[in-house]
Amino acid sequence: LRLSCAASGTIINIQEMGWYRQGPGNQRELVASITRG
C-alpha cells in the first residue's frame, strides 16, 4: 500500500513530517519520519 499525507492552511514552515500507527490494544508508535532536510 502507499499512504499519502497533505498539509495545508496558512503559510506553513514545516520542519518534519512523519507517520505513526496505533493498532487495537496498542499505543501509538512512530513508523517513519522525515525532516525538511
PDB file of all heavy atoms in Angstrom:
ATOM      1  N   LEU A   1       0.846  -1.178   0.000  1.00  0.00           N
ATOM      2  CA  LEU A   1       0.000   0.000   0.000  1.00  0.00           C
ATOM      3  C   LEU A   1       0.885   1.232   0.000  1.00  0.00           C
ATOM      4  O   LEU A   1       2.023   1.179   0.480  1.00  0.00           O
ATOM      5  CB  LEU A   1      -0.912   0.054   1.229  1.00  0.00           C
ATOM      6  CG  LEU A   1      -2.134  -0.853   1.280  1.00  0.00           C
ATOM      7  CD1 LEU A   1      -2.777  -0.760   2.663  1.00  0.00           C
ATOM      8  CD2 LEU A   1      -3.138  -0.481   0.204  1.00  0.00           C
ATOM      9  N   ARG A   2       0.350   2.319  -0.514  1.00  0.00           N
ATOM     10  CA  ARG A   2       1.044   3.596  -0.465  1.00  0.00           C
ATOM     11  C   ARG A   2       0.134   4.617   0.191  1.00  0.00           C
ATOM     12  O   ARG A   2      -0.954   4.903  -0.305  1.00  0.00           O
ATOM     13  CB  ARG A   2       1.436   4.064  -1.866  1.00  0.00           C
ATOM     14  CG  ARG A   2       2.276   5.351  -1.865  1.00  0.00           C
ATOM     15  CD  ARG A   2       2.740   5.718  -3.263  1.00  0.00           C
ATOM     16  NE  ARG A   2       3.540   6.929  -3.288  1.00  0.00           N
ATOM     17  CZ  ARG A   2       4.852   6.975  -3.097  1.00  0.00           C
ATOM     18  NH1 ARG A   2       5.537   5.854  -2.870  1.00  0.00           N
ATOM     19  NH2 ARG A   2       5.499   8.133  -3.140  1.00  0.00           N
ATOM     20  N   LEU A   3       0.585   5.169   1.301  1.00  0.00           N
ATOM     21  CA  LEU A   3      -0.140   6.197   2.016  1.00  0.00           C
ATOM     22  C   LEU A   3       0.382   7.569   1.622  1.00  0.00           C
ATOM     23  O   LEU A   3       1.578   7.749   1.408  1.00  0.00           O
ATOM     24  CB  LEU A   3      -0.001   6.022   3.529  1.00  0.00           C
ATOM     25  CG  LEU A   3      -0.373   4.665   4.114  1.00  0.00           C
ATOM     26  CD1 LEU A   3      -0.229   4.697   5.631  1.00  0.00           C
ATOM     27  CD2 LEU A   3      -1.781   4.267   3.718  1.00  0.00           C
ATOM     28  N   SER A   4      -0.525   8.534   1.566  1.00  0.00           N
ATOM     29  CA  SER A   4      -0.151   9.906   1.261  1.00  0.00           C
ATOM     30  C   SER A   4      -0.732  10.836   2.308  1.00  0.00           C
ATOM     31  O   SER A   4      -1.792  10.579   2.867  1.00  0.00           O
ATOM     32  CB  SER A   4      -0.648  10.310  -0.131  1.00  0.00           C
ATOM     33  OG  SER A   4      -0.031   9.537  -1.136  1.00  0.00           O
ATOM     34  N   CYS A   5      -0.036  11.927   2.547  1.00  0.00           N
ATOM     35  CA  CYS A   5      -0.464  12.923   3.511  1.00  0.00           C
ATOM     36  C   CYS A   5      -0.175  14.295   2.943  1.00  0.00           C
ATOM     37  O   CYS A   5       0.922  14.547   2.435  1.00  0.00           O
ATOM     38  CB  CYS A   5       0.274  12.731   4.841  1.00  0.00           C
ATOM     39  SG  CYS A   5      -0.008  14.039   6.050  1.00  0.00           S
ATOM     40  N   ALA A   6      -1.154  15.177   3.050  1.00  0.00           N
ATOM     41  CA  ALA A   6      -1.005  16.541   2.575  1.00  0.00           C
ATOM     42  C   ALA A   6      -1.318  17.514   3.701  1.00  0.00           C
ATOM     43  O   ALA A   6      -2.339  17.377   4.378  1.00  0.00           O
ATOM     44  CB  ALA A   6      -1.920  16.804   1.387  1.00  0.00           C
ATOM     45  N   ALA A   7      -0.449  18.480   3.897  1.00  0.00           N
ATOM     46  CA  ALA A   7      -0.646  19.533   4.880  1.00  0.00           C
ATOM     47  C   ALA A   7      -0.982  20.833   4.167  1.00  0.00           C
ATOM     48  O   ALA A   7      -0.394  21.153   3.131  1.00  0.00           O
ATOM     49  CB  ALA A   7       0.596  19.716   5.744  1.00  0.00           C
ATOM     50  N   SER A   8      -1.916  21.570   4.721  1.00  0.00           N
ATOM     51  CA  SER A   8      -2.316  22.831   4.120  1.00  0.00           C
ATOM     52  C   SER A   8      -2.793  23.778   5.209  1.00  0.00           C
ATOM     53  O   SER A   8      -2.921  23.403   6.369  1.00  0.00           O
ATOM     54  CB  SER A   8      -3.415  22.629   3.072  1.00  0.00           C
ATOM     55  OG  SER A   8      -4.581  22.088   3.660  1.00  0.00           O
ATOM     56  N   GLY A   9      -3.090  25.003   4.816  1.00  0.00           N
ATOM     57  CA  GLY A   9      -3.563  26.006   5.739  1.00  0.00           C
ATOM     58  C   GLY A   9      -2.899  27.336   5.471  1.00  0.00           C
ATOM     59  O   GLY A   9      -2.582  27.659   4.326  1.00  0.00           O
ATOM     60  N   THR A  10      -2.704  28.106   6.529  1.00  0.00           N
ATOM     61  CA  THR A  10      -1.968  29.347   6.393  1.00  0.00           C
ATOM     62  C   THR A  10      -0.512  29.041   6.067  1.00  0.00           C
ATOM     63  O   THR A  10      -0.106  27.884   6.008  1.00  0.00           O
ATOM     64  CB  THR A  10      -2.075  30.189   7.673  1.00  0.00           C
ATOM     65  OG1 THR A  10      -1.627  29.412   8.788  1.00  0.00           O
ATOM     66  CG2 THR A  10      -3.503  30.636   7.905  1.00  0.00           C
ATOM     67  N   ILE A  11       0.263  30.085   5.841  1.00  0.00           N
ATOM     68  CA  ILE A  11       1.663  29.879   5.473  1.00  0.00           C
ATOM     69  C   ILE A  11       2.329  28.974   6.499  1.00  0.00           C
ATOM     70  O   ILE A  11       2.288  29.243   7.706  1.00  0.00           O
ATOM     71  CB  ILE A  11       2.397  31.221   5.369  1.00  0.00           C
ATOM     72  CG1 ILE A  11       1.786  32.068   4.248  1.00  0.00           C
ATOM     73  CG2 ILE A  11       3.881  30.997   5.125  1.00  0.00           C
ATOM     74  CD1 ILE A  11       2.354  33.478   4.162  1.00  0.00           C
ATOM     75  N   ILE A  12       2.941  27.916   6.000  1.00  0.00           N
ATOM     76  CA  ILE A  12       3.464  26.849   6.840  1.00  0.00           C
ATOM     77  C   ILE A  12       4.973  26.737   6.697  1.00  0.00           C
ATOM     78  O   ILE A  12       5.498  26.728   5.583  1.00  0.00           O
ATOM     79  CB  ILE A  12       2.818  25.504   6.471  1.00  0.00           C
ATOM     80  CG1 ILE A  12       1.303  25.566   6.680  1.00  0.00           C
ATOM     81  CG2 ILE A  12       3.417  24.377   7.298  1.00  0.00           C
ATOM     82  CD1 ILE A  12       0.576  24.370   6.114  1.00  0.00           C
ATOM     83  N   ASN A  13       5.643  26.641   7.819  1.00  0.00           N
ATOM     84  CA  ASN A  13       7.067  26.328   7.864  1.00  0.00           C
ATOM     85  C   ASN A  13       7.199  24.950   8.509  1.00  0.00           C
ATOM     86  O   ASN A  13       7.349  24.839   9.721  1.00  0.00           O
ATOM     87  CB  ASN A  13       7.839  27.386   8.645  1.00  0.00           C
ATOM     88  CG  ASN A  13       9.328  27.115   8.676  1.00  0.00           C
ATOM     89  OD1 ASN A  13       9.832  26.261   7.953  1.00  0.00           O
ATOM     90  ND2 ASN A  13      10.039  27.854   9.520  1.00  0.00           N
ATOM     91  N   ILE A  14       7.121  23.922   7.684  1.00  0.00           N
ATOM     92  CA  ILE A  14       7.137  22.553   8.178  1.00  0.00           C
ATOM     93  C   ILE A  14       8.566  22.070   8.337  1.00  0.00           C
ATOM     94  O   ILE A  14       9.347  22.116   7.392  1.00  0.00           O
ATOM     95  CB  ILE A  14       6.352  21.624   7.245  1.00  0.00           C
ATOM     96  CG1 ILE A  14       4.872  22.008   7.242  1.00  0.00           C
ATOM     97  CG2 ILE A  14       6.529  20.167   7.663  1.00  0.00           C
ATOM     98  CD1 ILE A  14       4.027  21.224   6.269  1.00  0.00           C
ATOM     99  N   GLN A  15       8.875  21.596   9.527  1.00  0.00           N
ATOM    100  CA  GLN A  15      10.215  21.109   9.820  1.00  0.00           C
ATOM    101  C   GLN A  15      10.322  19.593   9.688  1.00  0.00           C
ATOM    102  O   GLN A  15      11.376  19.075   9.338  1.00  0.00           O
ATOM    103  CB  GLN A  15      10.634  21.531  11.232  1.00  0.00           C
ATOM    104  CG  GLN A  15      10.668  23.033  11.431  1.00  0.00           C
ATOM    105  CD  GLN A  15      11.635  23.710  10.489  1.00  0.00           C
ATOM    106  OE1 GLN A  15      12.832  23.402  10.468  1.00  0.00           O
ATOM    107  NE2 GLN A  15      11.128  24.642   9.686  1.00  0.00           N
ATOM    108  N   GLU A  16       9.230  18.890   9.967  1.00  0.00           N
ATOM    109  CA  GLU A  16       9.267  17.434   9.947  1.00  0.00           C
ATOM    110  C   GLU A  16       7.868  16.894   9.724  1.00  0.00           C
ATOM    111  O   GLU A  16       6.888  17.444  10.231  1.00  0.00           O
ATOM    112  CB  GLU A  16       9.834  16.906  11.268  1.00  0.00           C
ATOM    113  CG  GLU A  16       9.981  15.398  11.344  1.00  0.00           C
ATOM    114  CD  GLU A  16      10.676  14.958  12.616  1.00  0.00           C
ATOM    115  OE1 GLU A  16      11.593  15.662  13.076  1.00  0.00           O
ATOM    116  OE2 GLU A  16      10.302  13.903  13.152  1.00  0.00           O
ATOM    117  N   MET A  17       7.766  15.816   8.958  1.00  0.00           N
ATOM    118  CA  MET A  17       6.521  15.089   8.792  1.00  0.00           C
ATOM    119  C   MET A  17       6.801  13.615   9.042  1.00  0.00           C
ATOM    120  O   MET A  17       7.898  13.135   8.768  1.00  0.00           O
ATOM    121  CB  MET A  17       5.932  15.294   7.400  1.00  0.00           C
ATOM    122  CG  MET A  17       5.590  16.744   7.087  1.00  0.00           C
ATOM    123  SD  MET A  17       4.850  16.982   5.445  1.00  0.00           S
ATOM    124  CE  MET A  17       3.210  16.290   5.713  1.00  0.00           C
ATOM    125  N   GLY A  18       5.802  12.925   9.552  1.00  0.00           N
ATOM    126  CA  GLY A  18       6.011  11.526   9.840  1.00  0.00           C
ATOM    127  C   GLY A  18       4.722  10.746   9.916  1.00  0.00           C
ATOM    128  O   GLY A  18       3.623  11.306   9.850  1.00  0.00           O
ATOM    129  N   TRP A  19       4.884   9.440  10.032  1.00  0.00           N
ATOM    130  CA  TRP A  19       3.767   8.518  10.153  1.00  0.00           C
ATOM    131  C   TRP A  19       3.848   7.771  11.469  1.00  0.00           C
ATOM    132  O   TRP A  19       4.914   7.257  11.844  1.00  0.00           O
ATOM    133  CB  TRP A  19       3.760   7.508   8.999  1.00  0.00           C
ATOM    134  CG  TRP A  19       3.419   8.120   7.682  1.00  0.00           C
ATOM    135  CD1 TRP A  19       4.280   8.574   6.737  1.00  0.00           C
ATOM    136  CD2 TRP A  19       2.104   8.333   7.166  1.00  0.00           C
ATOM    137  NE1 TRP A  19       3.588   9.065   5.659  1.00  0.00           N
ATOM    138  CE2 TRP A  19       2.253   8.930   5.897  1.00  0.00           C
ATOM    139  CE3 TRP A  19       0.814   8.086   7.649  1.00  0.00           C
ATOM    140  CZ2 TRP A  19       1.156   9.278   5.105  1.00  0.00           C
ATOM    141  CZ3 TRP A  19      -0.266   8.436   6.865  1.00  0.00           C
ATOM    142  CH2 TRP A  19      -0.084   9.025   5.608  1.00  0.00           C
ATOM    143  N   TYR A  20       2.738   7.727  12.167  1.00  0.00           N
ATOM    144  CA  TYR A  20       2.566   6.932  13.368  1.00  0.00           C
ATOM    145  C   TYR A  20       1.424   5.963  13.140  1.00  0.00           C
ATOM    146  O   TYR A  20       0.588   6.169  12.253  1.00  0.00           O
ATOM    147  CB  TYR A  20       2.261   7.818  14.580  1.00  0.00           C
ATOM    148  CG  TYR A  20       3.440   8.609  15.101  1.00  0.00           C
ATOM    149  CD1 TYR A  20       4.007   9.631  14.360  1.00  0.00           C
ATOM    150  CD2 TYR A  20       3.972   8.340  16.360  1.00  0.00           C
ATOM    151  CE1 TYR A  20       5.078  10.357  14.841  1.00  0.00           C
ATOM    152  CE2 TYR A  20       5.037   9.063  16.859  1.00  0.00           C
ATOM    153  CZ  TYR A  20       5.586  10.072  16.092  1.00  0.00           C
ATOM    154  OH  TYR A  20       6.646  10.795  16.585  1.00  0.00           O
ATOM    155  N   ARG A  21       1.380   4.918  13.940  1.00  0.00           N
ATOM    156  CA  ARG A  21       0.272   3.983  13.819  1.00  0.00           C
ATOM    157  C   ARG A  21      -0.169   3.510  15.199  1.00  0.00           C
ATOM    158  O   ARG A  21       0.617   3.501  16.151  1.00  0.00           O
ATOM    159  CB  ARG A  21       0.637   2.781  12.943  1.00  0.00           C
ATOM    160  CG  ARG A  21       1.698   1.868  13.535  1.00  0.00           C
ATOM    161  CD  ARG A  21       2.109   0.810  12.529  1.00  0.00           C
ATOM    162  NE  ARG A  21       3.102  -0.099  13.065  1.00  0.00           N
ATOM    163  CZ  ARG A  21       3.746  -1.016  12.352  1.00  0.00           C
ATOM    164  NH1 ARG A  21       3.481  -1.144  11.055  1.00  0.00           N
ATOM    165  NH2 ARG A  21       4.638  -1.809  12.923  1.00  0.00           N
ATOM    166  N   GLN A  22      -1.419   3.105  15.278  1.00  0.00           N
ATOM    167  CA  GLN A  22      -1.980   2.590  16.511  1.00  0.00           C
ATOM    168  C   GLN A  22      -2.891   1.417  16.173  1.00  0.00           C
ATOM    169  O   GLN A  22      -3.935   1.595  15.536  1.00  0.00           O
ATOM    170  CB  GLN A  22      -2.751   3.666  17.265  1.00  0.00           C
ATOM    171  CG  GLN A  22      -3.246   3.221  18.625  1.00  0.00           C
ATOM    172  CD  GLN A  22      -3.758   4.378  19.465  1.00  0.00           C
ATOM    173  OE1 GLN A  22      -3.961   5.478  18.957  1.00  0.00           O
ATOM    174  NE2 GLN A  22      -3.957   4.133  20.749  1.00  0.00           N
ATOM    175  N   GLY A  23      -2.491   0.230  16.580  1.00  0.00           N
ATOM    176  CA  GLY A  23      -3.298  -0.961  16.384  1.00  0.00           C
ATOM    177  C   GLY A  23      -4.208  -1.209  17.565  1.00  0.00           C
ATOM    178  O   GLY A  23      -4.080  -0.575  18.619  1.00  0.00           O
ATOM    179  N   PRO A  24      -5.145  -2.137  17.411  1.00  0.00           N
ATOM    180  CA  PRO A  24      -6.063  -2.451  18.506  1.00  0.00           C
ATOM    181  C   PRO A  24      -5.311  -2.870  19.766  1.00  0.00           C
ATOM    182  O   PRO A  24      -4.470  -3.771  19.734  1.00  0.00           O
ATOM    183  CB  PRO A  24      -6.896  -3.605  17.949  1.00  0.00           C
ATOM    184  CG  PRO A  24      -6.787  -3.469  16.458  1.00  0.00           C
ATOM    185  CD  PRO A  24      -5.408  -2.947  16.216  1.00  0.00           C
ATOM    186  N   GLY A  25      -5.601  -2.208  20.860  1.00  0.00           N
ATOM    187  CA  GLY A  25      -4.964  -2.525  22.125  1.00  0.00           C
ATOM    188  C   GLY A  25      -3.543  -2.040  22.269  1.00  0.00           C
ATOM    189  O   GLY A  25      -2.900  -2.341  23.284  1.00  0.00           O
ATOM    190  N   ASN A  26      -3.030  -1.314  21.294  1.00  0.00           N
ATOM    191  CA  ASN A  26      -1.654  -0.828  21.332  1.00  0.00           C
ATOM    192  C   ASN A  26      -1.602   0.684  21.477  1.00  0.00           C
ATOM    193  O   ASN A  26      -2.561   1.398  21.193  1.00  0.00           O
ATOM    194  CB  ASN A  26      -0.908  -1.242  20.064  1.00  0.00           C
ATOM    195  CG  ASN A  26      -0.750  -2.735  19.925  1.00  0.00           C
ATOM    196  OD1 ASN A  26      -0.605  -3.446  20.921  1.00  0.00           O
ATOM    197  ND2 ASN A  26      -0.776  -3.220  18.696  1.00  0.00           N
ATOM    198  N   GLN A  27      -0.442   1.165  21.890  1.00  0.00           N
ATOM    199  CA  GLN A  27      -0.203   2.595  21.932  1.00  0.00           C
ATOM    200  C   GLN A  27       0.258   3.085  20.563  1.00  0.00           C
ATOM    201  O   GLN A  27       0.776   2.316  19.751  1.00  0.00           O
ATOM    202  CB  GLN A  27       0.849   2.935  22.993  1.00  0.00           C
ATOM    203  CG  GLN A  27       0.406   2.658  24.418  1.00  0.00           C
ATOM    204  CD  GLN A  27       1.411   3.152  25.428  1.00  0.00           C
ATOM    205  OE1 GLN A  27       2.616   2.970  25.261  1.00  0.00           O
ATOM    206  NE2 GLN A  27       0.923   3.786  26.483  1.00  0.00           N
ATOM    207  N   ARG A  28       0.074   4.357  20.322  1.00  0.00           N
ATOM    208  CA  ARG A  28       0.541   4.939  19.082  1.00  0.00           C
ATOM    209  C   ARG A  28       2.068   4.918  19.047  1.00  0.00           C
ATOM    210  O   ARG A  28       2.728   5.278  20.025  1.00  0.00           O
ATOM    211  CB  ARG A  28       0.018   6.365  18.930  1.00  0.00           C
ATOM    212  CG  ARG A  28       0.233   6.959  17.558  1.00  0.00           C
ATOM    213  CD  ARG A  28      -0.481   8.300  17.404  1.00  0.00           C
ATOM    214  NE  ARG A  28      -1.924   8.164  17.546  1.00  0.00           N
ATOM    215  CZ  ARG A  28      -2.785   9.162  17.337  1.00  0.00           C
ATOM    216  NH1 ARG A  28      -2.352  10.351  16.971  1.00  0.00           N
ATOM    217  NH2 ARG A  28      -4.081   8.946  17.501  1.00  0.00           N
ATOM    218  N   GLU A  29       2.621   4.499  17.912  1.00  0.00           N
ATOM    219  CA  GLU A  29       4.057   4.367  17.789  1.00  0.00           C
ATOM    220  C   GLU A  29       4.546   4.992  16.491  1.00  0.00           C
ATOM    221  O   GLU A  29       3.832   5.033  15.487  1.00  0.00           O
ATOM    222  CB  GLU A  29       4.475   2.893  17.836  1.00  0.00           C
ATOM    223  CG  GLU A  29       3.937   2.065  16.681  1.00  0.00           C
ATOM    224  CD  GLU A  29       4.381   0.617  16.718  1.00  0.00           C
ATOM    225  OE1 GLU A  29       5.124   0.241  17.650  1.00  0.00           O
ATOM    226  OE2 GLU A  29       3.984  -0.144  15.818  1.00  0.00           O
ATOM    227  N   LEU A  30       5.782   5.452  16.530  1.00  0.00           N
ATOM    228  CA  LEU A  30       6.418   6.004  15.341  1.00  0.00           C
ATOM    229  C   LEU A  30       6.660   4.904  14.318  1.00  0.00           C
ATOM    230  O   LEU A  30       7.161   3.828  14.647  1.00  0.00           O
ATOM    231  CB  LEU A  30       7.746   6.662  15.715  1.00  0.00           C
ATOM    232  CG  LEU A  30       8.620   7.120  14.545  1.00  0.00           C
ATOM    233  CD1 LEU A  30       7.984   8.317  13.837  1.00  0.00           C
ATOM    234  CD2 LEU A  30      10.020   7.463  15.022  1.00  0.00           C
ATOM    235  N   VAL A  31       6.325   5.184  13.071  1.00  0.00           N
ATOM    236  CA  VAL A  31       6.637   4.303  11.954  1.00  0.00           C
ATOM    237  C   VAL A  31       7.828   4.849  11.174  1.00  0.00           C
ATOM    238  O   VAL A  31       8.816   4.149  10.954  1.00  0.00           O
ATOM    239  CB  VAL A  31       5.427   4.123  11.025  1.00  0.00           C
ATOM    240  CG1 VAL A  31       5.791   3.235   9.841  1.00  0.00           C
ATOM    241  CG2 VAL A  31       4.242   3.546  11.791  1.00  0.00           C
ATOM    242  N   ALA A  32       7.730   6.091  10.744  1.00  0.00           N
ATOM    243  CA  ALA A  32       8.800   6.725   9.986  1.00  0.00           C
ATOM    244  C   ALA A  32       8.608   8.224  10.018  1.00  0.00           C
ATOM    245  O   ALA A  32       7.482   8.716  10.121  1.00  0.00           O
ATOM    246  CB  ALA A  32       8.817   6.230   8.531  1.00  0.00           C
ATOM    247  N   SER A  33       9.698   8.958   9.919  1.00  0.00           N
ATOM    248  CA  SER A  33       9.634  10.408   9.873  1.00  0.00           C
ATOM    249  C   SER A  33      10.714  10.929   8.945  1.00  0.00           C
ATOM    250  O   SER A  33      11.716  10.254   8.691  1.00  0.00           O
ATOM    251  CB  SER A  33       9.783  11.024  11.269  1.00  0.00           C
ATOM    252  OG  SER A  33      11.059  10.751  11.816  1.00  0.00           O
ATOM    253  N   ILE A  34      10.505  12.138   8.460  1.00  0.00           N
ATOM    254  CA  ILE A  34      11.469  12.763   7.563  1.00  0.00           C
ATOM    255  C   ILE A  34      11.458  14.261   7.814  1.00  0.00           C
ATOM    256  O   ILE A  34      10.405  14.883   7.940  1.00  0.00           O
ATOM    257  CB  ILE A  34      11.157  12.417   6.086  1.00  0.00           C
ATOM    258  CG1 ILE A  34      12.232  12.983   5.155  1.00  0.00           C
ATOM    259  CG2 ILE A  34       9.761  12.891   5.692  1.00  0.00           C
ATOM    260  CD1 ILE A  34      12.159  12.418   3.747  1.00  0.00           C
ATOM    261  N   THR A  35      12.642  14.843   7.902  1.00  0.00           N
ATOM    262  CA  THR A  35      12.763  16.277   8.112  1.00  0.00           C
ATOM    263  C   THR A  35      12.779  17.007   6.785  1.00  0.00           C
ATOM    264  O   THR A  35      12.920  16.408   5.715  1.00  0.00           O
ATOM    265  CB  THR A  35      14.036  16.622   8.895  1.00  0.00           C
ATOM    266  OG1 THR A  35      15.184  16.349   8.077  1.00  0.00           O
ATOM    267  CG2 THR A  35      14.128  15.824  10.185  1.00  0.00           C
ATOM    268  N   ARG A  36      12.644  18.334   6.854  1.00  0.00           N
ATOM    269  CA  ARG A  36      12.708  19.142   5.648  1.00  0.00           C
ATOM    270  C   ARG A  36      14.029  18.931   4.924  1.00  0.00           C
ATOM    271  O   ARG A  36      14.075  18.947   3.689  1.00  0.00           O
ATOM    272  CB  ARG A  36      12.511  20.616   5.984  1.00  0.00           C
ATOM    273  CG  ARG A  36      12.684  21.555   4.802  1.00  0.00           C
ATOM    274  CD  ARG A  36      12.217  22.958   5.128  1.00  0.00           C
ATOM    275  NE  ARG A  36      10.763  23.014   5.281  1.00  0.00           N
ATOM    276  CZ  ARG A  36       9.908  23.191   4.281  1.00  0.00           C
ATOM    277  NH1 ARG A  36      10.365  23.318   3.032  1.00  0.00           N
ATOM    278  NH2 ARG A  36       8.609  23.233   4.511  1.00  0.00           N
ATOM    279  N   GLY A  37      15.098  18.715   5.679  1.00  0.00           N
ATOM    280  CA  GLY A  37      16.395  18.487   5.092  1.00  0.00           C
ATOM    281  C   GLY A  37      16.631  17.076   4.587  1.00  0.00           C
ATOM    282  O   GLY A  37      17.687  16.811   4.009  1.00  0.00           O
TER     283      GLY A  37
END
